[in-house]
Amino acid sequence: MEKKTAIAVFESLSSGLRLDVYRLLVKKGMEGMVAGEIASTLHIPPTNLSFHLKALTQAGLLSVAQEGRFQRYQANIPLMLDLIAYLTNECCAGHPEQCLPQCADTVIPFFSSTPVSSGR
């Protein structure tokens, strides 16, 4: 990952609302959600939400597919994993395998046991 990409991701997620949207879509996985569902789940006016969805999409954090009159959004999980790798690549003086015991308690359970829920 390039530094420029990492900065764009962090800037996009610096909004609490955008972070909520991204986390919601992570929970939904490949199913994603249409914009109206996101708005009603997070209690956000649709006009306000569209601005934030556009910013997240431009940063590469979301993908969007047209479904008739609706747009379905999905979290770009590979991008977030690339960001995590970018941040931890030089962990422990360039030996990230030494950090694994410290990270295993938080990262591995997150990916193996995070329940998928329909709400917040």
C-alpha atoms as a PDB file:
ATOM      1  CA  MET A   1       0.000   0.000   0.000  1.00  0.00           C
ATOM      2  CA  GLU A   2       1.213   3.474  -0.765  1.00  0.00           C
ATOM      3  CA  LYS A   3       1.331   6.148   1.905  1.00  0.00           C
ATOM      4  CA  LYS A   4      -1.046   8.290  -0.175  1.00  0.00           C
ATOM      5  CA  THR A   5      -3.684   5.524  -0.095  1.00  0.00           C
ATOM      6  CA  ALA A   6      -3.306   5.047   3.663  1.00  0.00           C
ATOM      7  CA  ILE A   7      -3.768   8.776   4.226  1.00  0.00           C
ATOM      8  CA  ALA A   8      -6.917   8.818   2.065  1.00  0.00           C
ATOM      9  CA  VAL A   9      -8.372   5.914   4.056  1.00  0.00           C
ATOM     10  CA  PHE A  10      -7.616   7.548   7.396  1.00  0.00           C
ATOM     11  CA  GLU A  11      -9.023  10.891   6.248  1.00  0.00           C
ATOM     12  CA  SER A  12     -12.213   9.220   5.105  1.00  0.00           C
ATOM     13  CA  LEU A  13     -12.637   7.314   8.371  1.00  0.00           C
ATOM     14  CA  SER A  14     -11.913  10.376  10.513  1.00  0.00           C
ATOM     15  CA  SER A  15     -15.638  11.153  10.445  1.00  0.00           C
ATOM     16  CA  GLY A  16     -17.508   9.296  13.173  1.00  0.00           C
ATOM     17  CA  LEU A  17     -20.484   8.800  10.867  1.00  0.00           C
ATOM     18  CA  ARG A  18     -18.327   7.323   8.109  1.00  0.00           C
ATOM     19  CA  LEU A  19     -16.684   5.025  10.602  1.00  0.00           C
ATOM     20  CA  ASP A  20     -20.159   3.857  11.710  1.00  0.00           C
ATOM     21  CA  VAL A  21     -21.145   3.212   8.079  1.00  0.00           C
ATOM     22  CA  TYR A  22     -17.978   1.260   7.354  1.00  0.00           C
ATOM     23  CA  ARG A  23     -18.296  -0.851  10.512  1.00  0.00           C
ATOM     24  CA  LEU A  24     -21.938  -1.602   9.713  1.00  0.00           C
ATOM     25  CA  LEU A  25     -21.018  -2.745   6.219  1.00  0.00           C
ATOM     26  CA  VAL A  26     -18.163  -4.873   7.568  1.00  0.00           C
ATOM     27  CA  LYS A  27     -20.748  -6.682   9.708  1.00  0.00           C
ATOM     28  CA  LYS A  28     -22.883  -7.292   6.620  1.00  0.00           C
ATOM     29  CA  GLY A  29     -19.982  -8.852   4.701  1.00  0.00           C
ATOM     30  CA  MET A  30     -20.546  -9.721   1.053  1.00  0.00           C
ATOM     31  CA  GLU A  31     -24.305  -9.113   1.389  1.00  0.00           C
ATOM     32  CA  GLY A  32     -23.753  -5.378   1.832  1.00  0.00           C
ATOM     33  CA  MET A  33     -26.694  -3.019   2.181  1.00  0.00           C
ATOM     34  CA  VAL A  34     -28.627  -0.622   0.016  1.00  0.00           C
ATOM     35  CA  ALA A  35     -28.326   3.050   0.892  1.00  0.00           C
ATOM     36  CA  GLY A  36     -31.841   3.276   2.351  1.00  0.00           C
ATOM     37  CA  GLU A  37     -31.141   0.389   4.740  1.00  0.00           C
ATOM     38  CA  ILE A  38     -27.941   2.064   5.894  1.00  0.00           C
ATOM     39  CA  ALA A  39     -29.755   5.357   6.467  1.00  0.00           C
ATOM     40  CA  SER A  40     -32.573   3.775   8.471  1.00  0.00           C
ATOM     41  CA  THR A  41     -30.260   1.526  10.505  1.00  0.00           C
ATOM     42  CA  LEU A  42     -27.997   4.424  11.497  1.00  0.00           C
ATOM     43  CA  HIS A  43     -30.814   7.021  11.675  1.00  0.00           C
ATOM     44  CA  ILE A  44     -29.152   9.291   9.123  1.00  0.00           C
ATOM     45  CA  PRO A  45     -31.064  11.488   6.663  1.00  0.00           C
ATOM     46  CA  PRO A  46     -30.556  10.024   3.163  1.00  0.00           C
ATOM     47  CA  THR A  47     -29.218  13.316   1.758  1.00  0.00           C
ATOM     48  CA  ASN A  48     -26.581  13.461   4.490  1.00  0.00           C
ATOM     49  CA  LEU A  49     -25.698   9.793   4.000  1.00  0.00           C
ATOM     50  CA  SER A  50     -25.126  10.108   0.242  1.00  0.00           C
ATOM     51  CA  PHE A  51     -22.356  12.649   0.858  1.00  0.00           C
ATOM     52  CA  HIS A  52     -20.583  10.243   3.222  1.00  0.00           C
ATOM     53  CA  LEU A  53     -21.089   7.192   0.993  1.00  0.00           C
ATOM     54  CA  LYS A  54     -19.520   9.100  -1.888  1.00  0.00           C
ATOM     55  CA  ALA A  55     -16.473   9.978   0.236  1.00  0.00           C
ATOM     56  CA  LEU A  56     -16.056   6.362   1.411  1.00  0.00           C
ATOM     57  CA  THR A  57     -16.408   5.094  -2.146  1.00  0.00           C
ATOM     58  CA  GLN A  58     -13.864   7.605  -3.489  1.00  0.00           C
ATOM     59  CA  ALA A  59     -11.390   6.499  -0.802  1.00  0.00           C
ATOM     60  CA  GLY A  60     -11.851   2.903  -1.974  1.00  0.00           C
ATOM     61  CA  LEU A  61     -13.397   1.759   1.311  1.00  0.00           C
ATOM     62  CA  LEU A  62     -16.713   0.849  -0.312  1.00  0.00           C
ATOM     63  CA  SER A  63     -17.780  -0.670  -3.580  1.00  0.00           C
ATOM     64  CA  VAL A  64     -21.185   0.073  -5.025  1.00  0.00           C
ATOM     65  CA  ALA A  65     -23.362  -1.858  -7.447  1.00  0.00           C
ATOM     66  CA  GLN A  66     -26.555  -0.685  -9.093  1.00  0.00           C
ATOM     67  CA  GLU A  67     -29.603  -2.869  -8.360  1.00  0.00           C
ATOM     68  CA  GLY A  68     -32.490  -1.391 -10.312  1.00  0.00           C
ATOM     69  CA  ARG A  69     -33.317   1.904  -8.579  1.00  0.00           C
ATOM     70  CA  PHE A  70     -31.079   1.104  -5.613  1.00  0.00           C
ATOM     71  CA  GLN A  71     -27.369   1.135  -4.955  1.00  0.00           C
ATOM     72  CA  ARG A  72     -25.890  -1.679  -2.852  1.00  0.00           C
ATOM     73  CA  TYR A  73     -22.737  -0.864  -0.893  1.00  0.00           C
ATOM     74  CA  GLN A  74     -20.140  -3.331   0.374  1.00  0.00           C
ATOM     75  CA  ALA A  75     -17.109  -2.762   2.576  1.00  0.00           C
ATOM     76  CA  ASN A  76     -13.771  -3.254   0.838  1.00  0.00           C
ATOM     77  CA  ILE A  77     -12.315  -5.669   3.396  1.00  0.00           C
ATOM     78  CA  PRO A  78      -9.121  -6.383   1.383  1.00  0.00           C
ATOM     79  CA  LEU A  79      -8.266  -2.666   1.481  1.00  0.00           C
ATOM     80  CA  MET A  80      -8.610  -2.593   5.265  1.00  0.00           C
ATOM     81  CA  LEU A  81      -6.454  -5.721   5.585  1.00  0.00           C
ATOM     82  CA  ASP A  82      -3.855  -4.051   3.350  1.00  0.00           C
ATOM     83  CA  LEU A  83      -3.966  -1.018   5.644  1.00  0.00           C
ATOM     84  CA  ILE A  84      -3.408  -3.209   8.699  1.00  0.00           C
ATOM     85  CA  ALA A  85      -0.475  -4.881   6.943  1.00  0.00           C
ATOM     86  CA  TYR A  86       0.917  -1.471   5.970  1.00  0.00           C
ATOM     87  CA  LEU A  87       0.736  -0.286   9.580  1.00  0.00           C
ATOM     88  CA  THR A  88       2.277  -3.424  11.051  1.00  0.00           C
ATOM     89  CA  ASN A  89       4.775  -4.323   8.320  1.00  0.00           C
ATOM     90  CA  GLU A  90       7.723  -2.965  10.273  1.00  0.00           C
ATOM     91  CA  CYS A  91       6.463  -4.124  13.645  1.00  0.00           C
ATOM     92  CA  CYS A  92       9.186  -5.353  15.998  1.00  0.00           C
ATOM     93  CA  ALA A  93      12.021  -3.819  13.935  1.00  0.00           C
ATOM     94  CA  GLY A  94      10.894  -5.439  10.700  1.00  0.00           C
ATOM     95  CA  HIS A  95      10.066  -8.841  12.217  1.00  0.00           C
ATOM     96  CA  PRO A  96       6.263  -8.842  12.483  1.00  0.00           C
ATOM     97  CA  GLU A  97       6.258 -12.550  13.338  1.00  0.00           C
ATOM     98  CA  GLN A  98       7.636 -11.538  16.760  1.00  0.00           C
ATOM     99  CA  CYS A  99       4.542  -9.411  17.350  1.00  0.00           C
ATOM    100  CA  LEU A 100       2.133 -12.230  16.567  1.00  0.00           C
ATOM    101  CA  PRO A 101       1.768 -13.470  20.152  1.00  0.00           C
ATOM    102  CA  GLN A 102       0.832  -9.925  21.222  1.00  0.00           C
ATOM    103  CA  CYS A 103      -1.609  -9.464  18.325  1.00  0.00           C
ATOM    104  CA  ALA A 104      -3.131 -12.939  18.361  1.00  0.00           C
ATOM    105  CA  ASP A 105      -5.343 -12.160  21.334  1.00  0.00           C
ATOM    106  CA  THR A 106      -7.071  -9.282  19.518  1.00  0.00           C
ATOM    107  CA  VAL A 107      -6.783  -9.774  15.756  1.00  0.00           C
ATOM    108  CA  ILE A 108      -7.378 -13.509  15.368  1.00  0.00           C
ATOM    109  CA  PRO A 109     -10.503 -13.683  17.602  1.00  0.00           C
ATOM    110  CA  PHE A 110     -11.901 -10.638  15.786  1.00  0.00           C
ATOM    111  CA  PHE A 111     -11.776 -12.349  12.411  1.00  0.00           C
ATOM    112  CA  SER A 112     -12.797 -15.798  13.617  1.00  0.00           C
ATOM    113  CA  SER A 113     -15.633 -14.998  16.012  1.00  0.00           C
ATOM    114  CA  THR A 114     -17.123 -11.625  15.115  1.00  0.00           C
ATOM    115  CA  PRO A 115     -20.868 -12.232  14.832  1.00  0.00           C
ATOM    116  CA  VAL A 116     -22.692 -10.821  11.861  1.00  0.00           C
ATOM    117  CA  SER A 117     -25.660  -8.818  13.046  1.00  0.00           C
ATOM    118  CA  SER A 118     -28.342  -6.846  11.289  1.00  0.00           C
ATOM    119  CA  GLY A 119     -28.235  -3.801  13.546  1.00  0.00           C
ATOM    120  CA  ARG A 120     -26.118  -1.827  15.907  1.00  0.00           C
END
